[in-house]
Amino acid sequence: MQQAREHEKPRDPNELDQAALFPDVEVGEQFLYEREHLLIGLSFALAKTARANRALADRDLISSLTSLARSYHTRVNSNLIIEDRTANLAHQAVASEIEQMVKEFRDTEQKHTGFARLRDSDVLKTFVFLLRMGVSRTSGRPKSRAFVDFLFAQFPESPAGITAPEEAGSRIIVP
C-alpha cells in the first residue's frame, strides 16, 4: 500500500475545491515559523486521535478540520462563536481532541508568559494549513489513509532513539 502511494501521481490542483480550502486565509512562512509549536501540537492531536481509532480515514480528519476552520473563520470575521457540530461521533472525537490541544496550548502560554498571545486568527491559520496539507496528501478515495500515515510517520508510537534501558536490551556485541 505504501509503495503504491509512492508511485501514485499527485492530485491535480484544479480538481480540488478551492473554496473549501479557505483561499482568503493567507498562511505565510513566517507564521509557520512563529507558531511551529502550535502546529506540531495540533498535528500530534490528529495523530493521537487517529491512532486511538484505527477506523479513521483521511476524509474524517479533513472533515473535522474543515468544520473547525469554518467555526474559527466565523469567529475571526464576525466575532460570533458558532460551534459546527456534526452527528458523526468520530468527527466529534477528532474535533474535541484538537480543541483540547488548543486549550492546553493557551493555558501553557498563559502560565509561562503571564498572558495568552494565541489569537483566534492564529488558530484559524493553523487549521487551514493542516487542512490544505491533508487535502494535498490524500488521494481523495473514501478510505484513503495517506494523510493519516503521514501523521504517523511524523509521530511514531515508540520513537527509536528514545527507549528505556529495559527495552533497548544489551548494547554489548558478542562475536
N, C-alpha and C. Protein backbone atom coordinates (compact mmCIF):
# COMPACT_ATOMS: atom_id res chain seq x y z
N MET A 1 0.82 -1.19 0.00
CA MET A 1 0.00 0.00 0.00
C MET A 1 0.87 1.26 0.00
N GLN A 2 1.89 1.24 0.85
CA GLN A 2 2.75 2.42 0.93
C GLN A 2 3.59 2.59 -0.33
N GLN A 3 3.99 1.47 -0.95
CA GLN A 3 4.73 1.57 -2.21
C GLN A 3 3.84 2.13 -3.30
N ALA A 4 2.59 1.71 -3.32
CA ALA A 4 1.65 2.24 -4.31
C ALA A 4 1.48 3.74 -4.13
N ARG A 5 1.47 4.19 -2.89
CA ARG A 5 1.33 5.61 -2.60
C ARG A 5 2.53 6.40 -3.10
N GLU A 6 3.72 5.79 -3.03
CA GLU A 6 4.92 6.46 -3.50
C GLU A 6 4.88 6.70 -5.01
N HIS A 7 4.28 5.77 -5.75
CA HIS A 7 4.26 5.86 -7.21
C HIS A 7 3.00 6.52 -7.75
N GLU A 8 2.10 6.86 -6.86
CA GLU A 8 0.85 7.49 -7.29
C GLU A 8 1.11 8.93 -7.72
N LYS A 9 0.44 9.34 -8.77
CA LYS A 9 0.57 10.71 -9.23
C LYS A 9 -0.10 11.64 -8.23
N PRO A 10 0.48 12.80 -8.01
CA PRO A 10 -0.17 13.76 -7.11
C PRO A 10 -1.49 14.24 -7.71
N ARG A 11 -2.40 14.63 -6.84
CA ARG A 11 -3.69 15.13 -7.31
C ARG A 11 -3.51 16.44 -8.04
N ASP A 12 -4.28 16.59 -9.09
CA ASP A 12 -4.25 17.82 -9.87
C ASP A 12 -4.88 18.94 -9.05
N PRO A 13 -4.18 20.05 -8.84
CA PRO A 13 -4.74 21.15 -8.04
C PRO A 13 -6.06 21.68 -8.60
N ASN A 14 -6.28 21.53 -9.89
CA ASN A 14 -7.52 22.02 -10.50
C ASN A 14 -8.74 21.20 -10.09
N GLU A 15 -8.52 19.94 -9.68
CA GLU A 15 -9.66 19.11 -9.29
C GLU A 15 -10.10 19.35 -7.84
N LEU A 16 -9.29 20.09 -7.09
CA LEU A 16 -9.63 20.39 -5.70
C LEU A 16 -10.64 21.53 -5.64
N ASP A 17 -11.52 21.46 -4.67
CA ASP A 17 -12.48 22.53 -4.46
C ASP A 17 -11.76 23.67 -3.73
N GLN A 18 -11.40 24.68 -4.48
CA GLN A 18 -10.61 25.79 -3.92
C GLN A 18 -11.36 26.55 -2.83
N ALA A 19 -12.67 26.64 -2.95
CA ALA A 19 -13.46 27.36 -1.94
C ALA A 19 -13.40 26.66 -0.59
N ALA A 20 -13.26 25.33 -0.60
CA ALA A 20 -13.21 24.57 0.65
C ALA A 20 -11.86 24.70 1.34
N LEU A 21 -10.87 25.27 0.66
CA LEU A 21 -9.54 25.41 1.23
C LEU A 21 -9.28 26.80 1.80
N PHE A 22 -10.34 27.58 1.97
CA PHE A 22 -10.26 28.92 2.57
C PHE A 22 -9.21 29.78 1.87
N PRO A 23 -9.45 30.13 0.60
CA PRO A 23 -8.46 30.91 -0.15
C PRO A 23 -8.22 32.31 0.42
N ASP A 24 -9.16 32.83 1.21
CA ASP A 24 -9.00 34.17 1.78
C ASP A 24 -8.08 34.18 3.00
N VAL A 25 -7.70 33.00 3.50
CA VAL A 25 -6.81 32.91 4.66
C VAL A 25 -5.39 32.69 4.15
N GLU A 26 -4.53 33.65 4.44
CA GLU A 26 -3.14 33.57 4.00
C GLU A 26 -2.28 33.01 5.12
N VAL A 27 -1.57 31.94 4.80
CA VAL A 27 -0.68 31.31 5.77
C VAL A 27 0.75 31.46 5.25
N GLY A 28 1.48 32.39 5.84
CA GLY A 28 2.83 32.67 5.37
C GLY A 28 3.88 31.83 6.06
N GLU A 29 5.07 31.84 5.48
CA GLU A 29 6.18 31.08 6.04
C GLU A 29 6.56 31.59 7.42
N GLN A 30 6.53 32.90 7.59
CA GLN A 30 6.86 33.49 8.89
C GLN A 30 5.90 33.02 9.97
N PHE A 31 4.61 32.93 9.61
CA PHE A 31 3.62 32.44 10.57
C PHE A 31 3.94 31.01 10.99
N LEU A 32 4.28 30.16 10.01
CA LEU A 32 4.59 28.76 10.31
C LEU A 32 5.79 28.66 11.25
N TYR A 33 6.76 29.52 11.05
CA TYR A 33 7.93 29.54 11.92
C TYR A 33 7.56 29.99 13.33
N GLU A 34 6.77 31.05 13.43
CA GLU A 34 6.40 31.61 14.74
C GLU A 34 5.48 30.68 15.52
N ARG A 35 4.61 29.98 14.84
CA ARG A 35 3.62 29.11 15.50
C ARG A 35 3.90 27.63 15.29
N GLU A 36 5.18 27.31 15.16
CA GLU A 36 5.58 25.92 14.93
C GLU A 36 5.10 24.99 16.05
N HIS A 37 5.19 25.45 17.29
CA HIS A 37 4.79 24.60 18.42
C HIS A 37 3.29 24.29 18.38
N LEU A 38 2.49 25.26 18.02
CA LEU A 38 1.05 25.04 17.89
C LEU A 38 0.77 24.05 16.76
N LEU A 39 1.44 24.22 15.66
CA LEU A 39 1.26 23.35 14.50
C LEU A 39 1.63 21.91 14.85
N ILE A 40 2.73 21.74 15.53
CA ILE A 40 3.17 20.40 15.94
C ILE A 40 2.19 19.81 16.94
N GLY A 41 1.72 20.61 17.88
CA GLY A 41 0.77 20.12 18.87
C GLY A 41 -0.53 19.66 18.25
N LEU A 42 -1.06 20.44 17.30
CA LEU A 42 -2.31 20.05 16.65
C LEU A 42 -2.11 18.85 15.74
N SER A 43 -0.96 18.76 15.09
CA SER A 43 -0.66 17.58 14.27
C SER A 43 -0.57 16.34 15.15
N PHE A 44 0.04 16.50 16.32
CA PHE A 44 0.12 15.38 17.26
C PHE A 44 -1.26 14.96 17.73
N ALA A 45 -2.13 15.93 17.99
CA ALA A 45 -3.50 15.61 18.41
C ALA A 45 -4.23 14.82 17.33
N LEU A 46 -4.02 15.19 16.07
CA LEU A 46 -4.63 14.44 14.96
C LEU A 46 -4.09 13.01 14.93
N ALA A 47 -2.77 12.87 15.06
CA ALA A 47 -2.16 11.54 15.03
C ALA A 47 -2.63 10.70 16.21
N LYS A 48 -2.72 11.30 17.37
CA LYS A 48 -3.15 10.59 18.58
C LYS A 48 -4.58 10.08 18.42
N THR A 49 -5.45 10.91 17.88
CA THR A 49 -6.84 10.51 17.68
C THR A 49 -6.94 9.40 16.64
N ALA A 50 -6.18 9.54 15.56
CA ALA A 50 -6.20 8.52 14.51
C ALA A 50 -5.62 7.20 15.01
N ARG A 51 -4.64 7.27 15.89
CA ARG A 51 -4.06 6.05 16.45
C ARG A 51 -5.04 5.38 17.41
N ALA A 52 -5.82 6.17 18.12
CA ALA A 52 -6.80 5.62 19.07
C ALA A 52 -7.97 4.97 18.35
N ASN A 53 -8.33 5.49 17.18
CA ASN A 53 -9.45 4.94 16.40
C ASN A 53 -8.92 4.60 15.01
N ARG A 54 -8.51 3.36 14.82
CA ARG A 54 -7.88 2.94 13.57
C ARG A 54 -8.85 2.97 12.39
N ALA A 55 -10.13 3.14 12.64
CA ALA A 55 -11.11 3.21 11.55
C ALA A 55 -11.14 4.59 10.89
N LEU A 56 -10.49 5.57 11.51
CA LEU A 56 -10.49 6.92 10.93
C LEU A 56 -9.71 6.93 9.62
N ALA A 57 -10.25 7.63 8.65
CA ALA A 57 -9.59 7.80 7.36
C ALA A 57 -9.30 9.28 7.16
N ASP A 58 -8.61 9.58 6.07
CA ASP A 58 -8.27 10.97 5.77
C ASP A 58 -9.49 11.87 5.74
N ARG A 59 -10.55 11.38 5.13
CA ARG A 59 -11.74 12.23 4.99
C ARG A 59 -12.33 12.60 6.34
N ASP A 60 -12.17 11.75 7.37
CA ASP A 60 -12.67 12.08 8.71
C ASP A 60 -11.86 13.22 9.31
N LEU A 61 -10.54 13.14 9.19
CA LEU A 61 -9.69 14.21 9.72
C LEU A 61 -9.92 15.51 8.96
N ILE A 62 -10.03 15.40 7.64
CA ILE A 62 -10.24 16.59 6.81
C ILE A 62 -11.59 17.22 7.11
N SER A 63 -12.61 16.40 7.30
CA SER A 63 -13.94 16.91 7.62
C SER A 63 -13.94 17.64 8.97
N SER A 64 -13.26 17.07 9.94
CA SER A 64 -13.18 17.71 11.26
C SER A 64 -12.41 19.03 11.19
N LEU A 65 -11.30 19.03 10.45
CA LEU A 65 -10.53 20.27 10.29
C LEU A 65 -11.34 21.33 9.56
N THR A 66 -12.11 20.91 8.56
CA THR A 66 -12.95 21.86 7.82
C THR A 66 -13.99 22.47 8.75
N SER A 67 -14.61 21.64 9.56
CA SER A 67 -15.62 22.12 10.49
C SER A 67 -15.03 23.12 11.49
N LEU A 68 -13.87 22.78 12.04
CA LEU A 68 -13.22 23.69 13.00
C LEU A 68 -12.77 24.98 12.32
N ALA A 69 -12.22 24.86 11.12
CA ALA A 69 -11.77 26.06 10.40
C ALA A 69 -12.95 26.96 10.07
N ARG A 70 -14.07 26.36 9.68
CA ARG A 70 -15.28 27.15 9.38
C ARG A 70 -15.74 27.89 10.63
N SER A 71 -15.73 27.20 11.76
CA SER A 71 -16.15 27.81 13.02
C SER A 71 -15.23 28.97 13.41
N TYR A 72 -13.92 28.76 13.31
CA TYR A 72 -12.98 29.82 13.65
C TYR A 72 -13.00 30.94 12.62
N HIS A 73 -13.27 30.62 11.37
CA HIS A 73 -13.38 31.65 10.33
C HIS A 73 -14.53 32.60 10.67
N THR A 74 -15.65 32.04 11.09
CA THR A 74 -16.80 32.86 11.51
C THR A 74 -16.44 33.67 12.75
N ARG A 75 -15.76 33.04 13.69
CA ARG A 75 -15.38 33.72 14.94
C ARG A 75 -14.44 34.89 14.66
N VAL A 76 -13.48 34.70 13.79
CA VAL A 76 -12.50 35.75 13.48
C VAL A 76 -13.13 36.90 12.71
N ASN A 77 -13.99 36.58 11.75
CA ASN A 77 -14.54 37.61 10.87
C ASN A 77 -15.78 38.31 11.41
N SER A 78 -16.50 37.70 12.34
CA SER A 78 -17.73 38.35 12.81
C SER A 78 -17.86 38.37 14.33
N ASN A 79 -16.88 37.82 15.03
CA ASN A 79 -16.91 37.75 16.50
C ASN A 79 -18.07 36.93 17.03
N LEU A 80 -18.67 36.11 16.20
CA LEU A 80 -19.71 35.19 16.64
C LEU A 80 -19.09 33.83 16.90
N ILE A 81 -19.44 33.23 18.02
CA ILE A 81 -18.93 31.90 18.33
C ILE A 81 -19.99 30.90 17.94
N ILE A 82 -19.73 30.21 16.84
CA ILE A 82 -20.66 29.20 16.33
C ILE A 82 -19.91 27.88 16.28
N GLU A 83 -20.39 26.91 17.04
CA GLU A 83 -19.77 25.60 17.03
C GLU A 83 -20.52 24.72 16.06
N ASP A 84 -19.81 24.28 15.05
CA ASP A 84 -20.38 23.47 13.98
C ASP A 84 -20.20 22.00 14.34
N ARG A 85 -21.16 21.41 15.04
CA ARG A 85 -21.08 20.02 15.47
C ARG A 85 -21.76 19.11 14.46
N THR A 86 -21.11 17.99 14.19
CA THR A 86 -21.69 17.00 13.30
C THR A 86 -22.26 15.86 14.13
N ALA A 87 -23.08 15.05 13.50
CA ALA A 87 -23.66 13.90 14.18
C ALA A 87 -22.66 12.74 14.25
N ASN A 88 -21.62 12.80 13.44
CA ASN A 88 -20.63 11.73 13.39
C ASN A 88 -19.76 11.77 14.65
N LEU A 89 -19.78 10.69 15.42
CA LEU A 89 -19.03 10.64 16.67
C LEU A 89 -17.52 10.68 16.45
N ALA A 90 -17.06 10.08 15.35
CA ALA A 90 -15.62 10.11 15.06
C ALA A 90 -15.15 11.53 14.80
N HIS A 91 -15.94 12.30 14.06
CA HIS A 91 -15.59 13.69 13.78
C HIS A 91 -15.60 14.51 15.07
N GLN A 92 -16.56 14.22 15.95
CA GLN A 92 -16.63 14.93 17.23
C GLN A 92 -15.41 14.62 18.09
N ALA A 93 -14.96 13.35 18.05
CA ALA A 93 -13.78 12.97 18.84
C ALA A 93 -12.53 13.69 18.34
N VAL A 94 -12.38 13.77 17.03
CA VAL A 94 -11.23 14.47 16.45
C VAL A 94 -11.28 15.95 16.83
N ALA A 95 -12.43 16.57 16.65
CA ALA A 95 -12.59 18.00 16.96
C ALA A 95 -12.35 18.26 18.45
N SER A 96 -12.84 17.38 19.30
CA SER A 96 -12.67 17.54 20.74
C SER A 96 -11.19 17.46 21.13
N GLU A 97 -10.47 16.52 20.54
CA GLU A 97 -9.04 16.38 20.84
C GLU A 97 -8.27 17.62 20.38
N ILE A 98 -8.61 18.13 19.22
CA ILE A 98 -7.93 19.32 18.70
C ILE A 98 -8.24 20.54 19.56
N GLU A 99 -9.50 20.71 19.94
CA GLU A 99 -9.88 21.84 20.79
C GLU A 99 -9.21 21.75 22.15
N GLN A 100 -9.06 20.53 22.67
CA GLN A 100 -8.37 20.33 23.94
C GLN A 100 -6.90 20.75 23.83
N MET A 101 -6.28 20.42 22.70
CA MET A 101 -4.88 20.80 22.48
C MET A 101 -4.74 22.33 22.39
N VAL A 102 -5.68 22.99 21.74
CA VAL A 102 -5.65 24.47 21.66
C VAL A 102 -5.78 25.05 23.07
N LYS A 103 -6.68 24.49 23.86
CA LYS A 103 -6.87 24.97 25.24
C LYS A 103 -5.59 24.76 26.07
N GLU A 104 -4.98 23.59 25.94
CA GLU A 104 -3.74 23.32 26.66
C GLU A 104 -2.63 24.28 26.22
N PHE A 105 -2.57 24.56 24.94
CA PHE A 105 -1.56 25.49 24.42
C PHE A 105 -1.76 26.87 25.02
N ARG A 106 -3.01 27.32 25.06
CA ARG A 106 -3.30 28.65 25.64
C ARG A 106 -2.96 28.69 27.12
N ASP A 107 -3.32 27.61 27.84
CA ASP A 107 -3.03 27.55 29.28
C ASP A 107 -1.52 27.57 29.54
N THR A 108 -0.78 26.81 28.75
CA THR A 108 0.67 26.75 28.91
C THR A 108 1.30 28.11 28.61
N GLU A 109 0.84 28.73 27.55
CA GLU A 109 1.34 30.06 27.19
C GLU A 109 1.03 31.07 28.29
N GLN A 110 -0.16 30.98 28.86
CA GLN A 110 -0.57 31.87 29.95
C GLN A 110 0.34 31.67 31.16
N LYS A 111 0.64 30.42 31.45
CA LYS A 111 1.46 30.11 32.62
C LYS A 111 2.90 30.60 32.45
N HIS A 112 3.46 30.46 31.26
CA HIS A 112 4.86 30.82 31.05
C HIS A 112 5.09 32.30 30.81
N THR A 113 4.18 32.96 30.12
CA THR A 113 4.40 34.37 29.79
C THR A 113 3.55 35.32 30.62
N GLY A 114 2.55 34.80 31.31
CA GLY A 114 1.69 35.66 32.11
C GLY A 114 0.46 36.13 31.36
N PHE A 115 0.44 35.93 30.05
CA PHE A 115 -0.73 36.29 29.25
C PHE A 115 -0.76 35.38 28.03
N ALA A 116 -1.95 35.22 27.48
CA ALA A 116 -2.11 34.36 26.30
C ALA A 116 -1.96 35.20 25.04
N ARG A 117 -0.99 34.86 24.21
CA ARG A 117 -0.76 35.59 22.96
C ARG A 117 -1.48 34.94 21.78
N LEU A 118 -1.94 33.72 21.97
CA LEU A 118 -2.56 32.98 20.87
C LEU A 118 -3.91 33.59 20.53
N ARG A 119 -4.02 34.10 19.32
CA ARG A 119 -5.27 34.70 18.86
C ARG A 119 -6.05 33.67 18.07
N ASP A 120 -7.36 33.91 17.97
CA ASP A 120 -8.21 33.02 17.19
C ASP A 120 -7.77 32.99 15.72
N SER A 121 -7.26 34.10 15.23
CA SER A 121 -6.81 34.14 13.83
C SER A 121 -5.59 33.22 13.63
N ASP A 122 -4.74 33.09 14.65
CA ASP A 122 -3.61 32.16 14.56
C ASP A 122 -4.09 30.72 14.53
N VAL A 123 -5.09 30.42 15.35
CA VAL A 123 -5.66 29.07 15.36
C VAL A 123 -6.30 28.77 14.01
N LEU A 124 -7.00 29.74 13.45
CA LEU A 124 -7.62 29.57 12.13
C LEU A 124 -6.56 29.27 11.08
N LYS A 125 -5.48 30.04 11.07
CA LYS A 125 -4.42 29.82 10.08
C LYS A 125 -3.81 28.43 10.23
N THR A 126 -3.67 27.98 11.46
CA THR A 126 -3.11 26.64 11.69
C THR A 126 -4.06 25.57 11.18
N PHE A 127 -5.36 25.73 11.46
CA PHE A 127 -6.35 24.77 10.95
C PHE A 127 -6.33 24.74 9.42
N VAL A 128 -6.27 25.92 8.81
CA VAL A 128 -6.28 25.99 7.34
C VAL A 128 -5.02 25.35 6.78
N PHE A 129 -3.87 25.57 7.41
CA PHE A 129 -2.64 24.94 6.94
C PHE A 129 -2.76 23.42 7.01
N LEU A 130 -3.23 22.90 8.15
CA LEU A 130 -3.38 21.45 8.30
C LEU A 130 -4.40 20.90 7.32
N LEU A 131 -5.48 21.64 7.09
CA LEU A 131 -6.50 21.23 6.13
C LEU A 131 -5.90 21.14 4.72
N ARG A 132 -5.18 22.16 4.33
CA ARG A 132 -4.56 22.15 2.99
C ARG A 132 -3.54 21.02 2.87
N MET A 133 -2.79 20.80 3.92
CA MET A 133 -1.81 19.72 3.89
C MET A 133 -2.52 18.37 3.78
N GLY A 134 -3.61 18.20 4.53
CA GLY A 134 -4.36 16.95 4.46
C GLY A 134 -4.96 16.70 3.09
N VAL A 135 -5.53 17.73 2.50
CA VAL A 135 -6.14 17.59 1.17
C VAL A 135 -5.07 17.30 0.13
N SER A 136 -3.90 17.89 0.28
CA SER A 136 -2.84 17.65 -0.70
C SER A 136 -2.22 16.26 -0.54
N ARG A 137 -2.26 15.70 0.65
CA ARG A 137 -1.65 14.39 0.89
C ARG A 137 -2.58 13.22 0.58
N THR A 138 -3.88 13.42 0.67
CA THR A 138 -4.81 12.31 0.46
C THR A 138 -5.03 12.06 -1.02
N SER A 139 -5.43 10.84 -1.34
CA SER A 139 -5.72 10.51 -2.74
C SER A 139 -7.14 10.89 -3.11
N GLY A 140 -7.96 11.17 -2.13
CA GLY A 140 -9.35 11.53 -2.40
C GLY A 140 -10.28 10.33 -2.37
N ARG A 141 -9.72 9.15 -2.25
CA ARG A 141 -10.56 7.95 -2.19
C ARG A 141 -11.22 7.88 -0.81
N PRO A 142 -12.39 7.25 -0.73
CA PRO A 142 -13.13 7.24 0.55
C PRO A 142 -12.34 6.68 1.74
N LYS A 143 -11.56 5.64 1.54
CA LYS A 143 -10.85 5.03 2.67
C LYS A 143 -9.36 5.34 2.67
N SER A 144 -8.98 6.38 1.96
CA SER A 144 -7.57 6.75 1.88
C SER A 144 -7.04 7.09 3.27
N ARG A 145 -5.81 6.63 3.54
CA ARG A 145 -5.16 6.90 4.82
C ARG A 145 -3.77 7.49 4.61
N ALA A 146 -3.54 8.11 3.47
CA ALA A 146 -2.22 8.68 3.18
C ALA A 146 -1.88 9.80 4.17
N PHE A 147 -2.83 10.67 4.46
CA PHE A 147 -2.59 11.76 5.41
C PHE A 147 -2.39 11.19 6.81
N VAL A 148 -3.19 10.19 7.17
CA VAL A 148 -3.05 9.55 8.48
C VAL A 148 -1.67 8.91 8.60
N ASP A 149 -1.24 8.20 7.56
CA ASP A 149 0.08 7.57 7.59
C ASP A 149 1.19 8.62 7.64
N PHE A 150 0.99 9.75 6.98
CA PHE A 150 1.96 10.84 7.05
C PHE A 150 2.09 11.33 8.50
N LEU A 151 0.96 11.49 9.18
CA LEU A 151 0.99 11.91 10.59
C LEU A 151 1.66 10.86 11.46
N PHE A 152 1.38 9.58 11.20
CA PHE A 152 2.01 8.51 11.97
C PHE A 152 3.52 8.51 11.77
N ALA A 153 3.97 8.83 10.56
CA ALA A 153 5.41 8.89 10.29
C ALA A 153 6.06 10.04 11.06
N GLN A 154 5.33 11.14 11.25
CA GLN A 154 5.86 12.28 11.98
C GLN A 154 5.90 12.03 13.48
N PHE A 155 4.95 11.23 13.97
CA PHE A 155 4.84 10.94 15.41
C PHE A 155 4.75 9.43 15.61
N PRO A 156 5.89 8.72 15.54
CA PRO A 156 5.86 7.27 15.71
C PRO A 156 5.41 6.89 17.11
N GLU A 157 4.86 5.67 17.22
CA GLU A 157 4.35 5.22 18.52
C GLU A 157 5.46 5.14 19.56
N SER A 158 6.55 4.49 19.23
CA SER A 158 7.69 4.45 20.14
C SER A 158 8.92 4.93 19.37
N PRO A 159 9.34 6.14 19.65
CA PRO A 159 10.49 6.68 18.93
C PRO A 159 11.71 5.78 19.10
N ALA A 160 12.38 5.48 18.01
CA ALA A 160 13.51 4.55 18.02
C ALA A 160 14.66 5.06 18.89
N GLY A 161 14.88 6.34 18.91
CA GLY A 161 16.00 6.90 19.66
C GLY A 161 15.74 7.05 21.14
N ILE A 162 14.52 6.95 21.57
CA ILE A 162 14.19 7.19 22.97
C ILE A 162 13.54 5.93 23.52
N THR A 163 14.36 5.02 24.03
CA THR A 163 13.83 3.80 24.62
C THR A 163 14.42 3.63 26.00
N ALA A 164 13.65 3.01 26.86
CA ALA A 164 14.12 2.75 28.20
C ALA A 164 15.22 1.69 28.15
N PRO A 165 16.12 1.67 29.12
CA PRO A 165 17.20 0.68 29.10
C PRO A 165 16.68 -0.76 29.05
N GLU A 166 15.56 -1.03 29.70
CA GLU A 166 15.00 -2.38 29.69
C GLU A 166 14.54 -2.77 28.29
N GLU A 167 14.01 -1.80 27.54
CA GLU A 167 13.51 -2.06 26.20
C GLU A 167 14.65 -2.16 25.19
N ALA A 168 15.72 -1.43 25.43
CA ALA A 168 16.81 -1.38 24.47
C ALA A 168 17.60 -2.68 24.43
N GLY A 169 17.63 -3.41 25.53
CA GLY A 169 18.41 -4.63 25.56
C GLY A 169 19.87 -4.32 25.79
N SER A 170 20.68 -5.35 25.66
CA SER A 170 22.11 -5.19 25.90
C SER A 170 22.77 -4.53 24.69
N ARG A 171 23.72 -3.65 24.96
CA ARG A 171 24.46 -2.99 23.89
C ARG A 171 25.80 -3.67 23.63
N ILE A 172 26.07 -4.74 24.36
CA ILE A 172 27.33 -5.45 24.20
C ILE A 172 27.20 -6.37 22.99
N ILE A 173 28.17 -6.28 22.11
CA ILE A 173 28.18 -7.12 20.91
C ILE A 173 29.14 -8.27 21.16
N VAL A 174 28.62 -9.49 21.08
CA VAL A 174 29.44 -10.67 21.30
C VAL A 174 29.73 -11.30 19.95
N PRO A 175 31.02 -11.53 19.62
CA PRO A 175 31.34 -12.12 18.32
C PRO A 175 30.98 -13.59 18.24
